[in-house]
Amino acid sequence: ENAFRGELQRRIQESDASDEPGMTLEELGDELGEPA
């Protein structure tokens, strides 16, 4: 769970710093796979 939270936090920070449009939560879940 901590590894998942860390990965999620990293991706959120990268997305916030990027000028590109982000992905939906569903897309993020699909990319991360289970259990995300």
PDB file of all heavy atoms in Angstrom:
ATOM      1  N   GLU A   1       0.831  -1.206   0.000  1.00  0.00           N
ATOM      2  CA  GLU A   1       0.000   0.000   0.000  1.00  0.00           C
ATOM      3  C   GLU A   1       0.862   1.252   0.000  1.00  0.00           C
ATOM      4  O   GLU A   1       0.556   2.227  -0.691  1.00  0.00           O
ATOM      5  CB  GLU A   1      -0.938  -0.007   1.207  1.00  0.00           C
ATOM      6  CG  GLU A   1      -2.065  -1.001   1.077  1.00  0.00           C
ATOM      7  CD  GLU A   1      -2.954  -1.045   2.312  1.00  0.00           C
ATOM      8  OE1 GLU A   1      -2.735  -0.257   3.266  1.00  0.00           O
ATOM      9  OE2 GLU A   1      -3.868  -1.875   2.320  1.00  0.00           O
ATOM     10  N   ASN A   2       1.945   1.248   0.773  1.00  0.00           N
ATOM     11  CA  ASN A   2       2.842   2.408   0.805  1.00  0.00           C
ATOM     12  C   ASN A   2       3.515   2.614  -0.541  1.00  0.00           C
ATOM     13  O   ASN A   2       3.687   3.760  -0.987  1.00  0.00           O
ATOM     14  CB  ASN A   2       3.874   2.265   1.919  1.00  0.00           C
ATOM     15  CG  ASN A   2       3.260   2.441   3.291  1.00  0.00           C
ATOM     16  OD1 ASN A   2       2.200   3.030   3.434  1.00  0.00           O
ATOM     17  ND2 ASN A   2       3.919   1.900   4.304  1.00  0.00           N
ATOM     18  N   ALA A   3       3.911   1.530  -1.198  1.00  0.00           N
ATOM     19  CA  ALA A   3       4.519   1.644  -2.526  1.00  0.00           C
ATOM     20  C   ALA A   3       3.509   2.218  -3.518  1.00  0.00           C
ATOM     21  O   ALA A   3       3.847   3.081  -4.339  1.00  0.00           O
ATOM     22  CB  ALA A   3       5.024   0.281  -3.004  1.00  0.00           C
ATOM     23  N   PHE A   4       2.266   1.767  -3.438  1.00  0.00           N
ATOM     24  CA  PHE A   4       1.220   2.286  -4.311  1.00  0.00           C
ATOM     25  C   PHE A   4       0.996   3.774  -4.058  1.00  0.00           C
ATOM     26  O   PHE A   4       0.941   4.578  -4.990  1.00  0.00           O
ATOM     27  CB  PHE A   4      -0.085   1.507  -4.112  1.00  0.00           C
ATOM     28  CG  PHE A   4      -1.270   2.180  -4.751  1.00  0.00           C
ATOM     29  CD1 PHE A   4      -1.398   2.217  -6.125  1.00  0.00           C
ATOM     30  CD2 PHE A   4      -2.237   2.783  -3.977  1.00  0.00           C
ATOM     31  CE1 PHE A   4      -2.482   2.840  -6.714  1.00  0.00           C
ATOM     32  CE2 PHE A   4      -3.315   3.414  -4.559  1.00  0.00           C
ATOM     33  CZ  PHE A   4      -3.449   3.442  -5.931  1.00  0.00           C
ATOM     34  N   ARG A   5       0.885   4.140  -2.790  1.00  0.00           N
ATOM     35  CA  ARG A   5       0.675   5.557  -2.460  1.00  0.00           C
ATOM     36  C   ARG A   5       1.839   6.413  -2.949  1.00  0.00           C
ATOM     37  O   ARG A   5       1.634   7.520  -3.445  1.00  0.00           O
ATOM     38  CB  ARG A   5       0.500   5.716  -0.954  1.00  0.00           C
ATOM     39  CG  ARG A   5      -0.835   5.244  -0.456  1.00  0.00           C
ATOM     40  CD  ARG A   5      -1.021   5.576   1.016  1.00  0.00           C
ATOM     41  NE  ARG A   5      -2.233   4.965   1.497  1.00  0.00           N
ATOM     42  CZ  ARG A   5      -2.305   4.089   2.478  1.00  0.00           C
ATOM     43  NH1 ARG A   5      -1.212   3.729   3.113  1.00  0.00           N
ATOM     44  NH2 ARG A   5      -3.456   3.583   2.848  1.00  0.00           N
ATOM     45  N   GLY A   6       3.058   5.908  -2.781  1.00  0.00           N
ATOM     46  CA  GLY A   6       4.226   6.648  -3.252  1.00  0.00           C
ATOM     47  C   GLY A   6       4.207   6.839  -4.756  1.00  0.00           C
ATOM     48  O   GLY A   6       4.507   7.929  -5.259  1.00  0.00           O
ATOM     49  N   GLU A   7       3.864   5.776  -5.475  1.00  0.00           N
ATOM     50  CA  GLU A   7       3.789   5.866  -6.939  1.00  0.00           C
ATOM     51  C   GLU A   7       2.686   6.829  -7.357  1.00  0.00           C
ATOM     52  O   GLU A   7       2.860   7.647  -8.270  1.00  0.00           O
ATOM     53  CB  GLU A   7       3.544   4.483  -7.544  1.00  0.00           C
ATOM     54  CG  GLU A   7       3.395   4.456  -9.054  1.00  0.00           C
ATOM     55  CD  GLU A   7       4.656   4.847  -9.816  1.00  0.00           C
ATOM     56  OE1 GLU A   7       5.753   4.914  -9.214  1.00  0.00           O
ATOM     57  OE2 GLU A   7       4.549   5.088 -11.034  1.00  0.00           O
ATOM     58  N   LEU A   8       1.561   6.763  -6.687  1.00  0.00           N
ATOM     59  CA  LEU A   8       0.455   7.659  -6.998  1.00  0.00           C
ATOM     60  C   LEU A   8       0.857   9.118  -6.736  1.00  0.00           C
ATOM     61  O   LEU A   8       0.621   9.995  -7.573  1.00  0.00           O
ATOM     62  CB  LEU A   8      -0.770   7.282  -6.150  1.00  0.00           C
ATOM     63  CG  LEU A   8      -2.061   8.013  -6.439  1.00  0.00           C
ATOM     64  CD1 LEU A   8      -2.484   7.838  -7.891  1.00  0.00           C
ATOM     65  CD2 LEU A   8      -3.151   7.514  -5.503  1.00  0.00           C
ATOM     66  N   GLN A   9       1.501   9.368  -5.616  1.00  0.00           N
ATOM     67  CA  GLN A   9       1.960  10.724  -5.276  1.00  0.00           C
ATOM     68  C   GLN A   9       2.963  11.233  -6.314  1.00  0.00           C
ATOM     69  O   GLN A   9       2.888  12.388  -6.748  1.00  0.00           O
ATOM     70  CB  GLN A   9       2.583  10.748  -3.876  1.00  0.00           C
ATOM     71  CG  GLN A   9       2.998  12.125  -3.417  1.00  0.00           C
ATOM     72  CD  GLN A   9       1.810  13.064  -3.247  1.00  0.00           C
ATOM     73  OE1 GLN A   9       0.716  12.650  -2.910  1.00  0.00           O
ATOM     74  NE2 GLN A   9       2.022  14.338  -3.519  1.00  0.00           N
ATOM     75  N   ARG A  10       3.886  10.379  -6.721  1.00  0.00           N
ATOM     76  CA  ARG A  10       4.884  10.763  -7.728  1.00  0.00           C
ATOM     77  C   ARG A  10       4.197  11.158  -9.030  1.00  0.00           C
ATOM     78  O   ARG A  10       4.520  12.195  -9.638  1.00  0.00           O
ATOM     79  CB  ARG A  10       5.862   9.611  -7.973  1.00  0.00           C
ATOM     80  CG  ARG A  10       6.981   9.949  -8.960  1.00  0.00           C
ATOM     81  CD  ARG A  10       7.844   8.741  -9.277  1.00  0.00           C
ATOM     82  NE  ARG A  10       7.149   7.729 -10.064  1.00  0.00           N
ATOM     83  CZ  ARG A  10       6.868   7.829 -11.367  1.00  0.00           C
ATOM     84  NH1 ARG A  10       7.207   8.904 -12.040  1.00  0.00           N
ATOM     85  NH2 ARG A  10       6.244   6.856 -12.002  1.00  0.00           N
ATOM     86  N   ARG A  11       3.235  10.354  -9.449  1.00  0.00           N
ATOM     87  CA  ARG A  11       2.546  10.647 -10.710  1.00  0.00           C
ATOM     88  C   ARG A  11       1.706  11.916 -10.621  1.00  0.00           C
ATOM     89  O   ARG A  11       1.603  12.667 -11.585  1.00  0.00           O
ATOM     90  CB  ARG A  11       1.684   9.456 -11.121  1.00  0.00           C
ATOM     91  CG  ARG A  11       2.519   8.294 -11.605  1.00  0.00           C
ATOM     92  CD  ARG A  11       1.659   7.096 -11.915  1.00  0.00           C
ATOM     93  NE  ARG A  11       2.469   5.976 -12.332  1.00  0.00           N
ATOM     94  CZ  ARG A  11       2.312   5.336 -13.479  1.00  0.00           C
ATOM     95  NH1 ARG A  11       1.372   5.706 -14.318  1.00  0.00           N
ATOM     96  NH2 ARG A  11       3.074   4.316 -13.771  1.00  0.00           N
ATOM     97  N   ILE A  12       1.109  12.154  -9.463  1.00  0.00           N
ATOM     98  CA  ILE A  12       0.332  13.382  -9.280  1.00  0.00           C
ATOM     99  C   ILE A  12       1.252  14.596  -9.383  1.00  0.00           C
ATOM    100  O   ILE A  12       0.933  15.582 -10.057  1.00  0.00           O
ATOM    101  CB  ILE A  12      -0.416  13.362  -7.930  1.00  0.00           C
ATOM    102  CG1 ILE A  12      -1.560  12.347  -7.985  1.00  0.00           C
ATOM    103  CG2 ILE A  12      -0.932  14.744  -7.553  1.00  0.00           C
ATOM    104  CD1 ILE A  12      -2.206  12.070  -6.642  1.00  0.00           C
ATOM    105  N   GLN A  13       2.406  14.520  -8.733  1.00  0.00           N
ATOM    106  CA  GLN A  13       3.360  15.641  -8.787  1.00  0.00           C
ATOM    107  C   GLN A  13       3.858  15.858 -10.208  1.00  0.00           C
ATOM    108  O   GLN A  13       3.975  17.004 -10.664  1.00  0.00           O
ATOM    109  CB  GLN A  13       4.524  15.382  -7.832  1.00  0.00           C
ATOM    110  CG  GLN A  13       4.129  15.494  -6.376  1.00  0.00           C
ATOM    111  CD  GLN A  13       5.212  15.027  -5.419  1.00  0.00           C
ATOM    112  OE1 GLN A  13       6.178  14.392  -5.815  1.00  0.00           O
ATOM    113  NE2 GLN A  13       5.035  15.346  -4.142  1.00  0.00           N
ATOM    114  N   GLU A  14       4.149  14.778 -10.931  1.00  0.00           N
ATOM    115  CA  GLU A  14       4.595  14.915 -12.324  1.00  0.00           C
ATOM    116  C   GLU A  14       3.502  15.539 -13.176  1.00  0.00           C
ATOM    117  O   GLU A  14       3.762  16.385 -14.028  1.00  0.00           O
ATOM    118  CB  GLU A  14       4.989  13.550 -12.897  1.00  0.00           C
ATOM    119  CG  GLU A  14       6.323  13.035 -12.415  1.00  0.00           C
ATOM    120  CD  GLU A  14       6.648  11.655 -12.999  1.00  0.00           C
ATOM    121  OE1 GLU A  14       5.848  11.110 -13.794  1.00  0.00           O
ATOM    122  OE2 GLU A  14       7.715  11.128 -12.649  1.00  0.00           O
ATOM    123  N   SER A  15       2.256  15.109 -12.949  1.00  0.00           N
ATOM    124  CA  SER A  15       1.138  15.638 -13.718  1.00  0.00           C
ATOM    125  C   SER A  15       0.924  17.118 -13.416  1.00  0.00           C
ATOM    126  O   SER A  15       0.676  17.913 -14.323  1.00  0.00           O
ATOM    127  CB  SER A  15      -0.130  14.848 -13.399  1.00  0.00           C
ATOM    128  OG  SER A  15      -1.225  15.401 -14.087  1.00  0.00           O
ATOM    129  N   ASP A  16       1.041  17.491 -12.150  1.00  0.00           N
ATOM    130  CA  ASP A  16       0.874  18.898 -11.766  1.00  0.00           C
ATOM    131  C   ASP A  16       1.958  19.778 -12.381  1.00  0.00           C
ATOM    132  O   ASP A  16       1.719  20.934 -12.721  1.00  0.00           O
ATOM    133  CB  ASP A  16       0.893  19.049 -10.241  1.00  0.00           C
ATOM    134  CG  ASP A  16      -0.371  18.508  -9.583  1.00  0.00           C
ATOM    135  OD1 ASP A  16      -1.355  18.239 -10.308  1.00  0.00           O
ATOM    136  OD2 ASP A  16      -0.354  18.348  -8.348  1.00  0.00           O
ATOM    137  N   ALA A  17       3.155  19.246 -12.543  1.00  0.00           N
ATOM    138  CA  ALA A  17       4.277  20.018 -13.076  1.00  0.00           C
ATOM    139  C   ALA A  17       4.258  20.066 -14.600  1.00  0.00           C
ATOM    140  O   ALA A  17       4.959  20.873 -15.205  1.00  0.00           O
ATOM    141  CB  ALA A  17       5.602  19.422 -12.598  1.00  0.00           C
ATOM    142  N   SER A  18       3.461  19.236 -15.224  1.00  0.00           N
ATOM    143  CA  SER A  18       3.441  19.141 -16.684  1.00  0.00           C
ATOM    144  C   SER A  18       2.415  20.092 -17.276  1.00  0.00           C
ATOM    145  O   SER A  18       1.395  20.393 -16.680  1.00  0.00           O
ATOM    146  CB  SER A  18       3.101  17.697 -17.088  1.00  0.00           C
ATOM    147  OG  SER A  18       2.880  17.622 -18.469  1.00  0.00           O
ATOM    148  N   ASP A  19       2.703  20.562 -18.497  1.00  0.00           N
ATOM    149  CA  ASP A  19       1.751  21.401 -19.222  1.00  0.00           C
ATOM    150  C   ASP A  19       0.775  20.557 -20.038  1.00  0.00           C
ATOM    151  O   ASP A  19      -0.170  21.081 -20.609  1.00  0.00           O
ATOM    152  CB  ASP A  19       2.489  22.356 -20.171  1.00  0.00           C
ATOM    153  CG  ASP A  19       3.256  23.420 -19.410  1.00  0.00           C
ATOM    154  OD1 ASP A  19       2.874  23.720 -18.259  1.00  0.00           O
ATOM    155  OD2 ASP A  19       4.242  23.953 -19.960  1.00  0.00           O
ATOM    156  N   GLU A  20       1.041  19.260 -20.108  1.00  0.00           N
ATOM    157  CA  GLU A  20       0.182  18.375 -20.897  1.00  0.00           C
ATOM    158  C   GLU A  20      -1.074  18.024 -20.118  1.00  0.00           C
ATOM    159  O   GLU A  20      -1.068  18.015 -18.887  1.00  0.00           O
ATOM    160  CB  GLU A  20       0.945  17.091 -21.242  1.00  0.00           C
ATOM    161  CG  GLU A  20       2.149  17.330 -22.137  1.00  0.00           C
ATOM    162  CD  GLU A  20       2.863  16.036 -22.470  1.00  0.00           C
ATOM    163  OE1 GLU A  20       2.231  14.973 -22.409  1.00  0.00           O
ATOM    164  OE2 GLU A  20       4.054  16.106 -22.778  1.00  0.00           O
ATOM    165  N   PRO A  21      -2.167  17.730 -20.866  1.00  0.00           N
ATOM    166  CA  PRO A  21      -3.393  17.342 -20.169  1.00  0.00           C
ATOM    167  C   PRO A  21      -3.170  16.031 -19.399  1.00  0.00           C
ATOM    168  O   PRO A  21      -2.450  15.148 -19.847  1.00  0.00           O
ATOM    169  CB  PRO A  21      -4.421  17.165 -21.289  1.00  0.00           C
ATOM    170  CG  PRO A  21      -3.635  17.054 -22.547  1.00  0.00           C
ATOM    171  CD  PRO A  21      -2.308  17.715 -22.302  1.00  0.00           C
ATOM    172  N   GLY A  22      -3.753  15.947 -18.220  1.00  0.00           N
ATOM    173  CA  GLY A  22      -3.595  14.759 -17.384  1.00  0.00           C
ATOM    174  C   GLY A  22      -4.502  13.625 -17.824  1.00  0.00           C
ATOM    175  O   GLY A  22      -5.250  13.729 -18.794  1.00  0.00           O
ATOM    176  N   MET A  23      -4.417  12.535 -17.097  1.00  0.00           N
ATOM    177  CA  MET A  23      -5.267  11.393 -17.403  1.00  0.00           C
ATOM    178  C   MET A  23      -6.366  11.295 -16.355  1.00  0.00           C
ATOM    179  O   MET A  23      -6.245  11.835 -15.258  1.00  0.00           O
ATOM    180  CB  MET A  23      -4.444  10.095 -17.451  1.00  0.00           C
ATOM    181  CG  MET A  23      -3.792   9.694 -16.146  1.00  0.00           C
ATOM    182  SD  MET A  23      -2.953   8.073 -16.181  1.00  0.00           S
ATOM    183  CE  MET A  23      -1.778   8.250 -17.472  1.00  0.00           C
ATOM    184  N   THR A  24      -7.429  10.601 -16.705  1.00  0.00           N
ATOM    185  CA  THR A  24      -8.513  10.390 -15.750  1.00  0.00           C
ATOM    186  C   THR A  24      -8.070   9.360 -14.718  1.00  0.00           C
ATOM    187  O   THR A  24      -7.096   8.616 -14.926  1.00  0.00           O
ATOM    188  CB  THR A  24      -9.774   9.878 -16.454  1.00  0.00           C
ATOM    189  OG1 THR A  24      -9.518   8.568 -16.960  1.00  0.00           O
ATOM    190  CG2 THR A  24     -10.219  10.805 -17.577  1.00  0.00           C
ATOM    191  N   LEU A  25      -8.799   9.302 -13.616  1.00  0.00           N
ATOM    192  CA  LEU A  25      -8.487   8.300 -12.602  1.00  0.00           C
ATOM    193  C   LEU A  25      -8.661   6.886 -13.160  1.00  0.00           C
ATOM    194  O   LEU A  25      -7.891   5.986 -12.830  1.00  0.00           O
ATOM    195  CB  LEU A  25      -9.370   8.494 -11.366  1.00  0.00           C
ATOM    196  CG  LEU A  25      -9.015   9.682 -10.481  1.00  0.00           C
ATOM    197  CD1 LEU A  25     -10.034   9.842  -9.365  1.00  0.00           C
ATOM    198  CD2 LEU A  25      -7.617   9.530  -9.895  1.00  0.00           C
ATOM    199  N   GLU A  26      -9.663   6.692 -14.008  1.00  0.00           N
ATOM    200  CA  GLU A  26      -9.860   5.378 -14.620  1.00  0.00           C
ATOM    201  C   GLU A  26      -8.653   4.985 -15.473  1.00  0.00           C
ATOM    202  O   GLU A  26      -8.189   3.849 -15.430  1.00  0.00           O
ATOM    203  CB  GLU A  26     -11.137   5.344 -15.482  1.00  0.00           C
ATOM    204  CG  GLU A  26     -12.418   5.412 -14.698  1.00  0.00           C
ATOM    205  CD  GLU A  26     -12.908   6.844 -14.481  1.00  0.00           C
ATOM    206  OE1 GLU A  26     -12.156   7.820 -14.777  1.00  0.00           O
ATOM    207  OE2 GLU A  26     -14.037   6.994 -14.000  1.00  0.00           O
ATOM    208  N   GLU A  27      -8.128   5.950 -16.245  1.00  0.00           N
ATOM    209  CA  GLU A  27      -6.947   5.683 -17.064  1.00  0.00           C
ATOM    210  C   GLU A  27      -5.733   5.371 -16.193  1.00  0.00           C
ATOM    211  O   GLU A  27      -4.951   4.476 -16.506  1.00  0.00           O
ATOM    212  CB  GLU A  27      -6.653   6.878 -17.968  1.00  0.00           C
ATOM    213  CG  GLU A  27      -7.681   7.098 -19.054  1.00  0.00           C
ATOM    214  CD  GLU A  27      -7.516   8.431 -19.772  1.00  0.00           C
ATOM    215  OE1 GLU A  27      -6.953   9.382 -19.196  1.00  0.00           O
ATOM    216  OE2 GLU A  27      -7.966   8.511 -20.933  1.00  0.00           O
ATOM    217  N   LEU A  28      -5.598   6.103 -15.084  1.00  0.00           N
ATOM    218  CA  LEU A  28      -4.500   5.840 -14.165  1.00  0.00           C
ATOM    219  C   LEU A  28      -4.616   4.429 -13.583  1.00  0.00           C
ATOM    220  O   LEU A  28      -3.639   3.691 -13.525  1.00  0.00           O
ATOM    221  CB  LEU A  28      -4.481   6.880 -13.039  1.00  0.00           C
ATOM    222  CG  LEU A  28      -3.421   6.675 -11.960  1.00  0.00           C
ATOM    223  CD1 LEU A  28      -2.020   6.746 -12.561  1.00  0.00           C
ATOM    224  CD2 LEU A  28      -3.590   7.680 -10.842  1.00  0.00           C
ATOM    225  N   GLY A  29      -5.821   4.050 -13.188  1.00  0.00           N
ATOM    226  CA  GLY A  29      -6.041   2.702 -12.657  1.00  0.00           C
ATOM    227  C   GLY A  29      -5.710   1.638 -13.671  1.00  0.00           C
ATOM    228  O   GLY A  29      -5.082   0.623 -13.349  1.00  0.00           O
ATOM    229  N   ASP A  30      -6.098   1.863 -14.915  1.00  0.00           N
ATOM    230  CA  ASP A  30      -5.788   0.899 -15.976  1.00  0.00           C
ATOM    231  C   ASP A  30      -4.283   0.790 -16.190  1.00  0.00           C
ATOM    232  O   ASP A  30      -3.748  -0.291 -16.423  1.00  0.00           O
ATOM    233  CB  ASP A  30      -6.490   1.275 -17.278  1.00  0.00           C
ATOM    234  CG  ASP A  30      -7.997   1.076 -17.214  1.00  0.00           C
ATOM    235  OD1 ASP A  30      -8.456   0.322 -16.331  1.00  0.00           O
ATOM    236  OD2 ASP A  30      -8.713   1.672 -18.041  1.00  0.00           O
ATOM    237  N   GLU A  31      -3.589   1.934 -16.122  1.00  0.00           N
ATOM    238  CA  GLU A  31      -2.142   1.922 -16.332  1.00  0.00           C
ATOM    239  C   GLU A  31      -1.409   1.233 -15.184  1.00  0.00           C
ATOM    240  O   GLU A  31      -0.462   0.480 -15.395  1.00  0.00           O
ATOM    241  CB  GLU A  31      -1.615   3.349 -16.500  1.00  0.00           C
ATOM    242  CG  GLU A  31      -0.140   3.388 -16.831  1.00  0.00           C
ATOM    243  CD  GLU A  31       0.365   4.787 -17.118  1.00  0.00           C
ATOM    244  OE1 GLU A  31      -0.364   5.585 -17.735  1.00  0.00           O
ATOM    245  OE2 GLU A  31       1.502   5.073 -16.714  1.00  0.00           O
ATOM    246  N   LEU A  32      -1.855   1.483 -13.939  1.00  0.00           N
ATOM    247  CA  LEU A  32      -1.191   0.894 -12.782  1.00  0.00           C
ATOM    248  C   LEU A  32      -1.572  -0.563 -12.555  1.00  0.00           C
ATOM    249  O   LEU A  32      -0.828  -1.313 -11.945  1.00  0.00           O
ATOM    250  CB  LEU A  32      -1.504   1.703 -11.515  1.00  0.00           C
ATOM    251  CG  LEU A  32      -0.923   3.112 -11.454  1.00  0.00           C
ATOM    252  CD1 LEU A  32      -1.409   3.828 -10.215  1.00  0.00           C
ATOM    253  CD2 LEU A  32       0.594   3.066 -11.494  1.00  0.00           C
ATOM    254  N   GLY A  33      -2.739  -0.975 -13.041  1.00  0.00           N
ATOM    255  CA  GLY A  33      -3.179  -2.360 -12.852  1.00  0.00           C
ATOM    256  C   GLY A  33      -3.730  -2.577 -11.456  1.00  0.00           C
ATOM    257  O   GLY A  33      -3.989  -1.652 -10.701  1.00  0.00           O
ATOM    258  N   GLU A  34      -3.904  -3.851 -11.102  1.00  0.00           N
ATOM    259  CA  GLU A  34      -4.427  -4.198  -9.780  1.00  0.00           C
ATOM    260  C   GLU A  34      -3.332  -4.081  -8.740  1.00  0.00           C
ATOM    261  O   GLU A  34      -2.178  -4.320  -9.076  1.00  0.00           O
ATOM    262  CB  GLU A  34      -4.994  -5.626  -9.800  1.00  0.00           C
ATOM    263  CG  GLU A  34      -6.261  -5.774 -10.609  1.00  0.00           C
ATOM    264  CD  GLU A  34      -7.422  -4.904 -10.133  1.00  0.00           C
ATOM    265  OE1 GLU A  34      -7.502  -4.581  -8.924  1.00  0.00           O
ATOM    266  OE2 GLU A  34      -8.244  -4.535 -10.966  1.00  0.00           O
ATOM    267  N   PRO A  35      -3.605  -3.708  -7.513  1.00  0.00           N
ATOM    268  CA  PRO A  35      -4.903  -3.410  -6.916  1.00  0.00           C
ATOM    269  C   PRO A  35      -5.345  -1.962  -7.094  1.00  0.00           C
ATOM    270  O   PRO A  35      -6.404  -1.583  -6.636  1.00  0.00           O
ATOM    271  CB  PRO A  35      -4.681  -3.705  -5.436  1.00  0.00           C
ATOM    272  CG  PRO A  35      -3.252  -3.361  -5.205  1.00  0.00           C
ATOM    273  CD  PRO A  35      -2.549  -3.731  -6.503  1.00  0.00           C
ATOM    274  N   ALA A  36      -4.519  -1.153  -7.783  1.00  0.00           N
ATOM    275  CA  ALA A  36      -4.852   0.265  -7.950  1.00  0.00           C
ATOM    276  C   ALA A  36      -6.197   0.438  -8.646  1.00  0.00           C
ATOM    277  O   ALA A  36      -7.008   1.277  -8.237  1.00  0.00           O
ATOM    278  CB  ALA A  36      -3.751   0.967  -8.733  1.00  0.00           C
TER     279      ALA A  36
END
